[in-house]
Protein backbone atom coordinates (compact mmCIF):
# COMPACT_ATOMS: atom_id res chain seq x y z
CA UNK A 1 93.99 121.95 11.89
CA UNK A 2 95.89 124.35 9.58
CA UNK A 3 99.62 123.71 9.37
CA UNK A 4 100.43 127.11 10.88
CA UNK A 5 98.75 126.03 14.14
CA UNK A 6 101.09 123.06 14.62
CA UNK A 7 103.52 123.28 17.49
CA UNK A 8 107.21 123.28 16.58
CA UNK A 9 107.52 119.74 18.01
CA UNK A 10 104.80 118.32 15.75
CA UNK A 11 107.35 117.07 13.22
CA UNK A 12 109.19 115.27 16.03
CA UNK A 13 105.93 113.64 17.16
CA UNK A 14 105.11 112.55 13.61
CA UNK A 15 108.59 111.03 13.21
CA UNK A 16 108.39 109.43 16.66
CA UNK A 17 104.99 107.96 15.80
CA UNK A 18 106.50 106.26 12.75
CA UNK A 19 109.41 104.92 14.82
CA UNK A 20 107.09 103.60 17.52
CA UNK A 21 104.78 101.93 15.03
CA UNK A 22 107.79 100.34 13.33
CA UNK A 23 109.05 98.98 16.66
CA UNK A 24 105.57 97.68 17.49
CA UNK A 25 105.52 95.91 14.15
CA UNK A 26 108.78 94.02 14.70
CA UNK A 27 107.74 93.08 18.24
CA UNK A 28 104.48 91.64 16.92
CA UNK A 29 106.45 89.84 14.21
CA UNK A 30 108.78 88.38 16.87
CA UNK A 31 105.79 86.78 18.60
CA UNK A 32 104.84 85.08 15.33
CA UNK A 33 108.44 83.96 14.73
CA UNK A 34 108.68 82.44 18.21
CA UNK A 35 105.42 80.57 17.67
CA UNK A 36 106.69 79.37 14.28
CA UNK A 37 109.87 78.11 15.97
CA UNK A 38 107.79 75.96 18.30
CA UNK A 39 105.56 74.77 15.48
CA UNK A 40 108.71 73.40 13.82
CA UNK A 41 110.29 72.23 17.08
CA UNK A 42 107.27 70.15 18.19
CA UNK A 43 107.05 67.98 15.05
CA UNK A 44 110.82 67.40 15.09
CA UNK A 45 110.62 66.11 18.67
CA UNK A 46 107.49 64.09 17.90
CA UNK A 47 108.96 62.53 14.76
CA UNK A 48 112.18 61.60 16.54
CA UNK A 49 110.26 60.03 19.40
CA UNK A 50 108.00 58.03 17.06
CA UNK A 51 111.08 56.78 15.21
CA UNK A 52 112.66 55.79 18.52
CA UNK A 53 109.39 54.14 19.60
CA UNK A 54 109.39 52.01 16.45
CA UNK A 55 113.00 50.95 16.99
CA UNK A 56 114.21 48.13 19.22
CA UNK A 57 115.30 50.46 22.00
CA UNK A 58 114.63 49.22 25.53
CA UNK A 59 111.61 50.66 27.29
CA UNK A 60 113.75 52.01 30.14
CA UNK A 61 115.85 53.99 27.69
CA UNK A 62 112.69 55.18 25.93
CA UNK A 63 111.34 56.42 29.28
CA UNK A 64 114.60 58.34 29.88
CA UNK A 65 114.48 59.91 26.43
CA UNK A 66 110.80 60.75 26.96
CA UNK A 67 111.67 62.49 30.23
CA UNK A 68 114.49 64.40 28.52
CA UNK A 69 112.29 65.38 25.56
CA UNK A 70 109.51 66.47 27.94
CA UNK A 71 111.98 68.57 29.90
CA UNK A 72 113.22 70.14 26.63
CA UNK A 73 109.65 70.91 25.56
CA UNK A 74 108.90 72.56 28.93
CA UNK A 75 112.10 74.63 28.84
CA UNK A 76 111.44 75.79 25.26
CA UNK A 77 107.82 76.62 26.11
CA UNK A 78 108.84 78.55 29.22
CA UNK A 79 111.44 80.51 27.26
CA UNK A 80 109.07 81.37 24.41
CA UNK A 81 106.18 82.23 26.78
CA UNK A 82 108.43 84.49 28.86
CA UNK A 83 109.78 86.20 25.74
CA UNK A 84 106.24 86.81 24.44
CA UNK A 85 105.17 88.27 27.82
CA UNK A 86 108.24 90.51 27.89
CA UNK A 87 107.65 91.74 24.34
CA UNK A 88 103.98 92.41 25.10
CA UNK A 89 104.89 94.70 27.99
CA UNK A 90 107.09 96.78 25.68
CA UNK A 91 104.42 96.59 22.95
CA UNK A 92 101.73 97.91 25.33
CA UNK A 93 103.99 100.79 26.42
CA UNK A 94 104.59 101.71 22.80
CA UNK A 95 100.85 101.48 22.10
CA UNK A 96 100.20 103.94 24.94
CA UNK A 97 102.68 106.36 23.33
CA UNK A 98 100.81 106.07 20.03
CA UNK A 99 97.53 106.79 21.83
CA UNK A 100 99.03 109.95 23.39
CA UNK A 101 100.29 111.20 20.04
CA UNK A 102 96.94 110.51 18.40
CA UNK A 103 95.24 112.40 21.23
CA UNK A 104 97.65 115.31 20.82
CA UNK A 105 96.77 115.57 17.14
CA UNK A 106 93.05 115.41 17.95
CA UNK A 107 92.33 112.13 16.18
CA UNK A 108 89.72 111.22 18.81
CA UNK A 109 88.07 114.67 18.91
CA UNK A 110 84.87 114.97 16.86
CA UNK A 111 85.15 117.68 14.24
CA UNK A 112 88.93 118.14 14.53
CA UNK A 113 89.48 116.94 10.95
CA UNK A 114 86.12 115.63 9.75
CA UNK A 115 82.99 117.63 10.40
CA UNK A 116 80.92 115.87 13.07
CA UNK A 117 83.14 112.79 13.17
CA UNK A 118 86.48 111.54 14.49
CA UNK A 119 89.33 110.09 12.47
CA UNK A 120 89.81 107.23 14.95
CA UNK A 121 87.24 105.39 17.04
CA UNK A 122 87.23 105.89 20.80
CA UNK A 123 87.88 102.13 21.17
CA UNK A 124 91.48 102.68 20.05
CA UNK A 125 91.98 105.11 22.93
CA UNK A 126 90.77 102.74 25.66
CA UNK A 127 93.62 102.48 28.21
CA UNK A 128 92.83 98.81 28.88
CA UNK A 129 91.82 97.47 25.49
CA UNK A 130 92.90 100.14 23.02
CA UNK A 131 95.69 100.24 20.49
CA UNK A 132 98.50 97.92 21.58
CA UNK A 133 96.76 97.07 24.85
CA UNK A 134 95.01 93.86 23.77
CA UNK A 135 95.39 90.47 25.37
CA UNK A 136 95.89 88.40 22.21
CA UNK A 137 99.33 87.41 23.40
CA UNK A 138 97.65 85.41 26.19
CA UNK A 139 95.88 83.31 23.56
CA UNK A 140 99.24 82.65 21.90
CA UNK A 141 100.73 81.54 25.22
CA UNK A 142 97.69 79.35 25.94
CA UNK A 143 98.10 77.73 22.52
CA UNK A 144 101.79 77.09 23.20
CA UNK A 145 101.02 75.36 26.49
CA UNK A 146 98.10 73.39 25.05
CA UNK A 147 100.34 71.98 22.32
CA UNK A 148 103.25 71.43 24.73
CA UNK A 149 101.17 69.50 27.24
CA UNK A 150 99.47 67.54 24.46
CA UNK A 151 102.83 66.52 23.01
CA UNK A 152 104.17 65.52 26.43
CA UNK A 153 101.05 63.41 27.05
CA UNK A 154 101.52 61.71 23.67
CA UNK A 155 105.16 60.98 24.51
CA UNK A 156 104.17 59.57 27.88
CA UNK A 157 101.50 57.40 26.20
CA UNK A 158 104.14 56.06 23.81
CA UNK A 159 106.39 55.29 26.77
CA UNK A 160 103.60 53.39 28.52
CA UNK A 161 102.84 51.44 25.35
CA UNK A 162 106.54 50.72 24.86
CA UNK A 163 106.64 49.20 28.35
CA UNK A 164 104.22 46.43 27.33
């Protein structure tokens, strides 16, 4: 499309597109940072509990610490999972804005910029699975809960063993 055919607001949309993509980027990065937090948090809890297991602490006290550590793991997992869900909602809304801007500029229209072809695939414009609409965050949350439950089960196994 020749530059003279652009609407006066095209520059705003181009700038807004950059802002939206930047915000999407930091939201995606936040998900990774939250997961990294837990991937450091879990080994710290596990190491402390193994050290306590190997000490001469009474089994009753070990059970109490196991319950407290399990509660802490659940609270941290709930917080991180909720934060990831919240960020995904905002991420998906931003992705929908990007799709609208791309549609406005004709990126999905064959022949708009490239003869007989589109700049972007139609898959990116799918309202359910397109840009920013994916469900990868659910896999992250599932991983968090798999590790959390596994660690709690390990702690409970240590507590049972400590009782003998």
